[in-house]
Amino acid sequence: MNSTNKARIHWACYRGMRELDLLIIPFFNDNFHLLNKRDKRLFSELLENNDPDLFSWLMNYKQPDDARFKRIISIIRDSNKKRDFSRL
């Protein structure tokens, strides 16, 4: 996936797993534009993984084998810590 095609990346954020949608879509909407090119590319590549792996990584149940993803996962987690999930 091209990391500069924002519409395509936005579409890839919709996972079909509600829990992932609640973690990924708000991050994309609020933070994607703030990422540098490297992190945008990492985010785009991260979305190419399957839902169970993404969920495990974002919930900190497992660590990805590809160490490059640890940075963007940490950024997403930090962003989600600041969100108010009580309204969900």
PDB file of N, CA and C in Angstrom:
ATOM      1  N   MET A   1       0.853  -1.178   0.000  1.00  0.00           N
ATOM      2  CA  MET A   1       0.000   0.000   0.000  1.00  0.00           C
ATOM      3  C   MET A   1       0.898   1.241   0.000  1.00  0.00           C
ATOM      4  N   ASN A   2       0.551   2.196  -0.791  1.00  0.00           N
ATOM      5  CA  ASN A   2       1.308   3.442  -0.882  1.00  0.00           C
ATOM      6  C   ASN A   2       1.045   4.294   0.355  1.00  0.00           C
ATOM      7  N   SER A   3       2.118   4.634   1.074  1.00  0.00           N
ATOM      8  CA  SER A   3       1.958   5.367   2.330  1.00  0.00           C
ATOM      9  C   SER A   3       1.559   6.827   2.138  1.00  0.00           C
ATOM     10  N   THR A   4       1.489   7.282   0.907  1.00  0.00           N
ATOM     11  CA  THR A   4       1.092   8.663   0.661  1.00  0.00           C
ATOM     12  C   THR A   4      -0.364   8.764   0.200  1.00  0.00           C
ATOM     13  N   ASN A   5      -0.999   7.655  -0.074  1.00  0.00           N
ATOM     14  CA  ASN A   5      -2.387   7.665  -0.530  1.00  0.00           C
ATOM     15  C   ASN A   5      -3.295   7.597   0.696  1.00  0.00           C
ATOM     16  N   LYS A   6      -3.633   8.754   1.207  1.00  0.00           N
ATOM     17  CA  LYS A   6      -4.381   8.857   2.459  1.00  0.00           C
ATOM     18  C   LYS A   6      -5.746   8.171   2.375  1.00  0.00           C
ATOM     19  N   ALA A   7      -6.431   8.281   1.269  1.00  0.00           N
ATOM     20  CA  ALA A   7      -7.756   7.658   1.130  1.00  0.00           C
ATOM     21  C   ALA A   7      -7.652   6.139   1.211  1.00  0.00           C
ATOM     22  N   ARG A   8      -6.649   5.571   0.594  1.00  0.00           N
ATOM     23  CA  ARG A   8      -6.458   4.127   0.616  1.00  0.00           C
ATOM     24  C   ARG A   8      -6.098   3.645   2.030  1.00  0.00           C
ATOM     25  N   ILE A   9      -5.271   4.401   2.708  1.00  0.00           N
ATOM     26  CA  ILE A   9      -4.882   4.048   4.075  1.00  0.00           C
ATOM     27  C   ILE A   9      -6.099   4.160   4.995  1.00  0.00           C
ATOM     28  N   HIS A  10      -6.882   5.215   4.814  1.00  0.00           N
ATOM     29  CA  HIS A  10      -8.098   5.381   5.615  1.00  0.00           C
ATOM     30  C   HIS A  10      -9.017   4.191   5.435  1.00  0.00           C
ATOM     31  N   TRP A  11      -9.195   3.744   4.208  1.00  0.00           N
ATOM     32  CA  TRP A  11     -10.048   2.594   3.936  1.00  0.00           C
ATOM     33  C   TRP A  11      -9.493   1.340   4.621  1.00  0.00           C
ATOM     34  N   ALA A  12      -8.177   1.175   4.613  1.00  0.00           N
ATOM     35  CA  ALA A  12      -7.543   0.002   5.231  1.00  0.00           C
ATOM     36  C   ALA A  12      -7.682   0.005   6.751  1.00  0.00           C
ATOM     37  N   CYS A  13      -7.985   1.143   7.337  1.00  0.00           N
ATOM     38  CA  CYS A  13      -8.183   1.229   8.788  1.00  0.00           C
ATOM     39  C   CYS A  13      -9.462   0.518   9.223  1.00  0.00           C
ATOM     40  N   TYR A  14     -10.424   0.383   8.328  1.00  0.00           N
ATOM     41  CA  TYR A  14     -11.675  -0.313   8.649  1.00  0.00           C
ATOM     42  C   TYR A  14     -11.420  -1.805   8.546  1.00  0.00           C
ATOM     43  N   ARG A  15     -11.387  -2.464   9.696  1.00  0.00           N
ATOM     44  CA  ARG A  15     -10.915  -3.830   9.767  1.00  0.00           C
ATOM     45  C   ARG A  15     -12.011  -4.882   9.770  1.00  0.00           C
ATOM     46  N   GLY A  16     -13.199  -4.562  10.201  1.00  0.00           N
ATOM     47  CA  GLY A  16     -14.229  -5.568  10.336  1.00  0.00           C
ATOM     48  C   GLY A  16     -14.242  -6.183  11.729  1.00  0.00           C
ATOM     49  N   MET A  17     -13.314  -5.776  12.544  1.00  0.00           N
ATOM     50  CA  MET A  17     -13.269  -6.190  13.950  1.00  0.00           C
ATOM     51  C   MET A  17     -13.454  -4.905  14.752  1.00  0.00           C
ATOM     52  N   ARG A  18     -14.601  -4.771  15.382  1.00  0.00           N
ATOM     53  CA  ARG A  18     -14.967  -3.514  16.043  1.00  0.00           C
ATOM     54  C   ARG A  18     -13.889  -3.013  16.993  1.00  0.00           C
ATOM     55  N   GLU A  19     -13.300  -3.914  17.750  1.00  0.00           N
ATOM     56  CA  GLU A  19     -12.280  -3.517  18.716  1.00  0.00           C
ATOM     57  C   GLU A  19     -11.093  -2.845  18.020  1.00  0.00           C
ATOM     58  N   LEU A  20     -10.709  -3.383  16.873  1.00  0.00           N
ATOM     59  CA  LEU A  20      -9.612  -2.771  16.114  1.00  0.00           C
ATOM     60  C   LEU A  20     -10.037  -1.437  15.522  1.00  0.00           C
ATOM     61  N   ASP A  21     -11.249  -1.379  15.009  1.00  0.00           N
ATOM     62  CA  ASP A  21     -11.742  -0.109  14.460  1.00  0.00           C
ATOM     63  C   ASP A  21     -11.680   0.994  15.512  1.00  0.00           C
ATOM     64  N   LEU A  22     -12.014   0.646  16.746  1.00  0.00           N
ATOM     65  CA  LEU A  22     -12.000   1.646  17.827  1.00  0.00           C
ATOM     66  C   LEU A  22     -10.594   2.089  18.211  1.00  0.00           C
ATOM     67  N   LEU A  23      -9.609   1.278  17.899  1.00  0.00           N
ATOM     68  CA  LEU A  23      -8.218   1.633  18.191  1.00  0.00           C
ATOM     69  C   LEU A  23      -7.537   2.342  17.025  1.00  0.00           C
ATOM     70  N   ILE A  24      -7.833   1.905  15.824  1.00  0.00           N
ATOM     71  CA  ILE A  24      -7.085   2.373  14.648  1.00  0.00           C
ATOM     72  C   ILE A  24      -7.705   3.609  13.994  1.00  0.00           C
ATOM     73  N   ILE A  25      -9.016   3.612  13.798  1.00  0.00           N
ATOM     74  CA  ILE A  25      -9.655   4.714  13.056  1.00  0.00           C
ATOM     75  C   ILE A  25      -9.485   6.062  13.762  1.00  0.00           C
ATOM     76  N   PRO A  26      -9.737   6.160  15.065  1.00  0.00           N
ATOM     77  CA  PRO A  26      -9.512   7.455  15.726  1.00  0.00           C
ATOM     78  C   PRO A  26      -8.053   7.902  15.657  1.00  0.00           C
ATOM     79  N   PHE A  27      -7.144   6.941  15.766  1.00  0.00           N
ATOM     80  CA  PHE A  27      -5.726   7.293  15.640  1.00  0.00           C
ATOM     81  C   PHE A  27      -5.468   7.889  14.260  1.00  0.00           C
ATOM     82  N   PHE A  28      -5.970   7.244  13.240  1.00  0.00           N
ATOM     83  CA  PHE A  28      -5.777   7.754  11.879  1.00  0.00           C
ATOM     84  C   PHE A  28      -6.371   9.154  11.742  1.00  0.00           C
ATOM     85  N   ASN A  29      -7.596   9.312  12.183  1.00  0.00           N
ATOM     86  CA  ASN A  29      -8.281  10.603  12.029  1.00  0.00           C
ATOM     87  C   ASN A  29      -7.579  11.734  12.778  1.00  0.00           C
ATOM     88  N   ASP A  30      -7.052  11.442  13.952  1.00  0.00           N
ATOM     89  CA  ASP A  30      -6.473  12.489  14.801  1.00  0.00           C
ATOM     90  C   ASP A  30      -4.969  12.671  14.638  1.00  0.00           C
ATOM     91  N   ASN A  31      -4.260  11.636  14.203  1.00  0.00           N
ATOM     92  CA  ASN A  31      -2.807  11.682  14.277  1.00  0.00           C
ATOM     93  C   ASN A  31      -2.048  11.404  12.991  1.00  0.00           C
ATOM     94  N   PHE A  32      -2.679  10.780  12.011  1.00  0.00           N
ATOM     95  CA  PHE A  32      -1.931  10.391  10.817  1.00  0.00           C
ATOM     96  C   PHE A  32      -1.226  11.575  10.177  1.00  0.00           C
ATOM     97  N   HIS A  33      -1.905  12.682  10.078  1.00  0.00           N
ATOM     98  CA  HIS A  33      -1.320  13.867   9.432  1.00  0.00           C
ATOM     99  C   HIS A  33      -0.111  14.410  10.202  1.00  0.00           C
ATOM    100  N   LEU A  34       0.034  14.033  11.465  1.00  0.00           N
ATOM    101  CA  LEU A  34       1.160  14.498  12.281  1.00  0.00           C
ATOM    102  C   LEU A  34       2.402  13.614  12.149  1.00  0.00           C
ATOM    103  N   LEU A  35       2.245  12.435  11.567  1.00  0.00           N
ATOM    104  CA  LEU A  35       3.360  11.493  11.454  1.00  0.00           C
ATOM    105  C   LEU A  35       4.349  11.940  10.379  1.00  0.00           C
ATOM    106  N   ASN A  36       5.611  11.608  10.601  1.00  0.00           N
ATOM    107  CA  ASN A  36       6.602  11.859   9.556  1.00  0.00           C
ATOM    108  C   ASN A  36       6.462  10.774   8.480  1.00  0.00           C
ATOM    109  N   LYS A  37       7.179  10.911   7.383  1.00  0.00           N
ATOM    110  CA  LYS A  37       7.040   9.983   6.256  1.00  0.00           C
ATOM    111  C   LYS A  37       7.338   8.542   6.668  1.00  0.00           C
ATOM    112  N   ARG A  38       8.366   8.366   7.464  1.00  0.00           N
ATOM    113  CA  ARG A  38       8.753   7.019   7.907  1.00  0.00           C
ATOM    114  C   ARG A  38       7.624   6.373   8.706  1.00  0.00           C
ATOM    115  N   ASP A  39       7.050   7.123   9.633  1.00  0.00           N
ATOM    116  CA  ASP A  39       5.984   6.576  10.464  1.00  0.00           C
ATOM    117  C   ASP A  39       4.697   6.362   9.666  1.00  0.00           C
ATOM    118  N   LYS A  40       4.434   7.204   8.681  1.00  0.00           N
ATOM    119  CA  LYS A  40       3.283   6.975   7.805  1.00  0.00           C
ATOM    120  C   LYS A  40       3.461   5.666   7.044  1.00  0.00           C
ATOM    121  N   ARG A  41       4.670   5.426   6.561  1.00  0.00           N
ATOM    122  CA  ARG A  41       4.954   4.187   5.849  1.00  0.00           C
ATOM    123  C   ARG A  41       4.798   2.982   6.782  1.00  0.00           C
ATOM    124  N   LEU A  42       5.311   3.099   8.011  1.00  0.00           N
ATOM    125  CA  LEU A  42       5.172   2.012   8.982  1.00  0.00           C
ATOM    126  C   LEU A  42       3.701   1.731   9.299  1.00  0.00           C
ATOM    127  N   PHE A  43       2.925   2.783   9.480  1.00  0.00           N
ATOM    128  CA  PHE A  43       1.499   2.621   9.750  1.00  0.00           C
ATOM    129  C   PHE A  43       0.824   1.897   8.588  1.00  0.00           C
ATOM    130  N   SER A  44       1.131   2.314   7.389  1.00  0.00           N
ATOM    131  CA  SER A  44       0.576   1.688   6.194  1.00  0.00           C
ATOM    132  C   SER A  44       0.954   0.210   6.129  1.00  0.00           C
ATOM    133  N   GLU A  45       2.195  -0.100   6.403  1.00  0.00           N
ATOM    134  CA  GLU A  45       2.659  -1.490   6.387  1.00  0.00           C
ATOM    135  C   GLU A  45       2.033  -2.286   7.533  1.00  0.00           C
ATOM    136  N   LEU A  46       1.852  -1.660   8.669  1.00  0.00           N
ATOM    137  CA  LEU A  46       1.230  -2.320   9.815  1.00  0.00           C
ATOM    138  C   LEU A  46      -0.168  -2.808   9.456  1.00  0.00           C
ATOM    139  N   LEU A  47      -0.898  -2.011   8.706  1.00  0.00           N
ATOM    140  CA  LEU A  47      -2.269  -2.346   8.335  1.00  0.00           C
ATOM    141  C   LEU A  47      -2.355  -3.549   7.401  1.00  0.00           C
ATOM    142  N   GLU A  48      -1.238  -3.973   6.845  1.00  0.00           N
ATOM    143  CA  GLU A  48      -1.223  -5.138   5.964  1.00  0.00           C
ATOM    144  C   GLU A  48      -1.227  -6.448   6.747  1.00  0.00           C
ATOM    145  N   ASN A  49      -1.094  -6.370   8.052  1.00  0.00           N
ATOM    146  CA  ASN A  49      -1.109  -7.566   8.896  1.00  0.00           C
ATOM    147  C   ASN A  49      -2.538  -7.995   9.194  1.00  0.00           C
ATOM    148  N   ASN A  50      -2.684  -9.229   9.658  1.00  0.00           N
ATOM    149  CA  ASN A  50      -4.036  -9.733   9.932  1.00  0.00           C
ATOM    150  C   ASN A  50      -4.572  -9.188  11.249  1.00  0.00           C
ATOM    151  N   ASP A  51      -5.893  -9.210  11.371  1.00  0.00           N
ATOM    152  CA  ASP A  51      -6.574  -8.612  12.523  1.00  0.00           C
ATOM    153  C   ASP A  51      -6.164  -9.204  13.873  1.00  0.00           C
ATOM    154  N   PRO A  52      -6.087 -10.531  13.998  1.00  0.00           N
ATOM    155  CA  PRO A  52      -5.698 -11.067  15.311  1.00  0.00           C
ATOM    156  C   PRO A  52      -4.313 -10.588  15.767  1.00  0.00           C
ATOM    157  N   ASP A  53      -3.368 -10.521  14.827  1.00  0.00           N
ATOM    158  CA  ASP A  53      -2.033 -10.021  15.194  1.00  0.00           C
ATOM    159  C   ASP A  53      -2.091  -8.553  15.592  1.00  0.00           C
ATOM    160  N   LEU A  54      -2.767  -7.741  14.786  1.00  0.00           N
ATOM    161  CA  LEU A  54      -2.880  -6.313  15.106  1.00  0.00           C
ATOM    162  C   LEU A  54      -3.492  -6.107  16.488  1.00  0.00           C
ATOM    163  N   PHE A  55      -4.558  -6.825  16.760  1.00  0.00           N
ATOM    164  CA  PHE A  55      -5.218  -6.684  18.049  1.00  0.00           C
ATOM    165  C   PHE A  55      -4.275  -7.086  19.188  1.00  0.00           C
ATOM    166  N   SER A  56      -3.591  -8.194  19.035  1.00  0.00           N
ATOM    167  CA  SER A  56      -2.650  -8.647  20.071  1.00  0.00           C
ATOM    168  C   SER A  56      -1.546  -7.631  20.307  1.00  0.00           C
ATOM    169  N   TRP A  57      -1.038  -7.048  19.251  1.00  0.00           N
ATOM    170  CA  TRP A  57       0.043  -6.065  19.394  1.00  0.00           C
ATOM    171  C   TRP A  57      -0.455  -4.781  20.036  1.00  0.00           C
ATOM    172  N   LEU A  58      -1.600  -4.295  19.561  1.00  0.00           N
ATOM    173  CA  LEU A  58      -2.116  -3.028  20.085  1.00  0.00           C
ATOM    174  C   LEU A  58      -2.591  -3.146  21.530  1.00  0.00           C
ATOM    175  N   MET A  59      -3.003  -4.339  21.921  1.00  0.00           N
ATOM    176  CA  MET A  59      -3.430  -4.559  23.299  1.00  0.00           C
ATOM    177  C   MET A  59      -2.259  -4.978  24.189  1.00  0.00           C
ATOM    178  N   ASN A  60      -1.086  -5.075  23.587  1.00  0.00           N
ATOM    179  CA  ASN A  60       0.150  -5.427  24.291  1.00  0.00           C
ATOM    180  C   ASN A  60       0.116  -6.861  24.839  1.00  0.00           C
ATOM    181  N   TYR A  61      -0.600  -7.742  24.149  1.00  0.00           N
ATOM    182  CA  TYR A  61      -0.609  -9.155  24.513  1.00  0.00           C
ATOM    183  C   TYR A  61       0.620  -9.851  23.945  1.00  0.00           C
ATOM    184  N   LYS A  62       1.057  -9.396  22.766  1.00  0.00           N
ATOM    185  CA  LYS A  62       2.219  -9.956  22.077  1.00  0.00           C
ATOM    186  C   LYS A  62       3.013  -8.815  21.460  1.00  0.00           C
ATOM    187  N   GLN A  63       4.234  -9.127  21.087  1.00  0.00           N
ATOM    188  CA  GLN A  63       5.079  -8.191  20.362  1.00  0.00           C
ATOM    189  C   GLN A  63       5.238  -8.690  18.927  1.00  0.00           C
ATOM    190  N   PRO A  64       5.271  -7.783  17.961  1.00  0.00           N
ATOM    191  CA  PRO A  64       5.447  -8.223  16.569  1.00  0.00           C
ATOM    192  C   PRO A  64       6.851  -8.789  16.351  1.00  0.00           C
ATOM    193  N   ASP A  65       6.952  -9.744  15.450  1.00  0.00           N
ATOM    194  CA  ASP A  65       8.263 -10.283  15.096  1.00  0.00           C
ATOM    195  C   ASP A  65       9.109  -9.231  14.391  1.00  0.00           C
ATOM    196  N   ASP A  66       8.450  -8.399  13.607  1.00  0.00           N
ATOM    197  CA  ASP A  66       9.143  -7.329  12.878  1.00  0.00           C
ATOM    198  C   ASP A  66       9.321  -6.144  13.821  1.00  0.00           C
ATOM    199  N   ALA A  67      10.532  -5.943  14.280  1.00  0.00           N
ATOM    200  CA  ALA A  67      10.831  -4.897  15.272  1.00  0.00           C
ATOM    201  C   ALA A  67      10.498  -3.496  14.766  1.00  0.00           C
ATOM    202  N   ARG A  68      10.438  -3.312  13.449  1.00  0.00           N
ATOM    203  CA  ARG A  68      10.112  -1.982  12.907  1.00  0.00           C
ATOM    204  C   ARG A  68       8.736  -1.515  13.352  1.00  0.00           C
ATOM    205  N   PHE A  69       7.811  -2.441  13.572  1.00  0.00           N
ATOM    206  CA  PHE A  69       6.446  -2.084  13.938  1.00  0.00           C
ATOM    207  C   PHE A  69       6.310  -1.621  15.385  1.00  0.00           C
ATOM    208  N   LYS A  70       7.287  -1.932  16.211  1.00  0.00           N
ATOM    209  CA  LYS A  70       7.186  -1.580  17.628  1.00  0.00           C
ATOM    210  C   LYS A  70       7.020  -0.073  17.825  1.00  0.00           C
ATOM    211  N   ARG A  71       7.700   0.717  17.007  1.00  0.00           N
ATOM    212  CA  ARG A  71       7.610   2.176  17.121  1.00  0.00           C
ATOM    213  C   ARG A  71       6.189   2.680  16.847  1.00  0.00           C
ATOM    214  N   ILE A  72       5.605   2.277  15.728  1.00  0.00           N
ATOM    215  CA  ILE A  72       4.278   2.796  15.375  1.00  0.00           C
ATOM    216  C   ILE A  72       3.218   2.238  16.315  1.00  0.00           C
ATOM    217  N   ILE A  73       3.386   1.015  16.770  1.00  0.00           N
ATOM    218  CA  ILE A  73       2.446   0.449  17.744  1.00  0.00           C
ATOM    219  C   ILE A  73       2.497   1.260  19.037  1.00  0.00           C
ATOM    220  N   SER A  74       3.684   1.623  19.451  1.00  0.00           N
ATOM    221  CA  SER A  74       3.835   2.442  20.655  1.00  0.00           C
ATOM    222  C   SER A  74       3.171   3.806  20.480  1.00  0.00           C
ATOM    223  N   ILE A  75       3.305   4.396  19.317  1.00  0.00           N
ATOM    224  CA  ILE A  75       2.680   5.688  19.031  1.00  0.00           C
ATOM    225  C   ILE A  75       1.155   5.556  19.092  1.00  0.00           C
ATOM    226  N   ILE A  76       0.623   4.499  18.515  1.00  0.00           N
ATOM    227  CA  ILE A  76      -0.825   4.280  18.526  1.00  0.00           C
ATOM    228  C   ILE A  76      -1.312   4.057  19.959  1.00  0.00           C
ATOM    229  N   ARG A  77      -0.601   3.229  20.704  1.00  0.00           N
ATOM    230  CA  ARG A  77      -0.983   2.972  22.101  1.00  0.00           C
ATOM    231  C   ARG A  77      -0.979   4.254  22.919  1.00  0.00           C
ATOM    232  N   ASP A  78       0.077   5.052  22.772  1.00  0.00           N
ATOM    233  CA  ASP A  78       0.160   6.315  23.519  1.00  0.00           C
ATOM    234  C   ASP A  78      -0.997   7.239  23.173  1.00  0.00           C
ATOM    235  N   SER A  79      -1.348   7.297  21.912  1.00  0.00           N
ATOM    236  CA  SER A  79      -2.466   8.120  21.470  1.00  0.00           C
ATOM    237  C   SER A  79      -3.773   7.634  22.088  1.00  0.00           C
ATOM    238  N   ASN A  80      -3.948   6.329  22.115  1.00  0.00           N
ATOM    239  CA  ASN A  80      -5.187   5.763  22.659  1.00  0.00           C
ATOM    240  C   ASN A  80      -5.289   5.932  24.166  1.00  0.00           C
ATOM    241  N   LYS A  81      -4.179   6.011  24.852  1.00  0.00           N
ATOM    242  CA  LYS A  81      -4.201   6.244  26.303  1.00  0.00           C
ATOM    243  C   LYS A  81      -4.830   7.603  26.626  1.00  0.00           C
ATOM    244  N   LYS A  82      -4.718   8.534  25.709  1.00  0.00           N
ATOM    245  CA  LYS A  82      -5.229   9.889  25.913  1.00  0.00           C
ATOM    246  C   LYS A  82      -6.714  10.003  25.563  1.00  0.00           C
ATOM    247  N   ARG A  83      -7.263   8.978  24.931  1.00  0.00           N
ATOM    248  CA  ARG A  83      -8.668   9.016  24.523  1.00  0.00           C
ATOM    249  C   ARG A  83      -9.579   8.610  25.663  1.00  0.00           C
ATOM    250  N   ASP A  84     -10.791   9.103  25.605  1.00  0.00           N
ATOM    251  CA  ASP A  84     -11.813   8.776  26.609  1.00  0.00           C
ATOM    252  C   ASP A  84     -12.674   7.629  26.073  1.00  0.00           C
ATOM    253  N   PHE A  85     -12.416   6.422  26.561  1.00  0.00           N
ATOM    254  CA  PHE A  85     -13.156   5.244  26.118  1.00  0.00           C
ATOM    255  C   PHE A  85     -14.442   5.042  26.920  1.00  0.00           C
ATOM    256  N   SER A  86     -14.692   5.863  27.896  1.00  0.00           N
ATOM    257  CA  SER A  86     -15.866   5.667  28.760  1.00  0.00           C
ATOM    258  C   SER A  86     -17.179   5.874  28.006  1.00  0.00           C
ATOM    259  N   ARG A  87     -17.130   6.594  26.890  1.00  0.00           N
ATOM    260  CA  ARG A  87     -18.359   6.852  26.123  1.00  0.00           C
ATOM    261  C   ARG A  87     -18.677   5.747  25.146  1.00  0.00           C
ATOM    262  N   LEU A  88     -17.827   4.747  25.046  1.00  0.00           N
ATOM    263  CA  LEU A  88     -18.042   3.669  24.056  1.00  0.00           C
ATOM    264  C   LEU A  88     -18.959   2.602  24.589  1.00  0.00           C
TER     265      LEU A  88
END
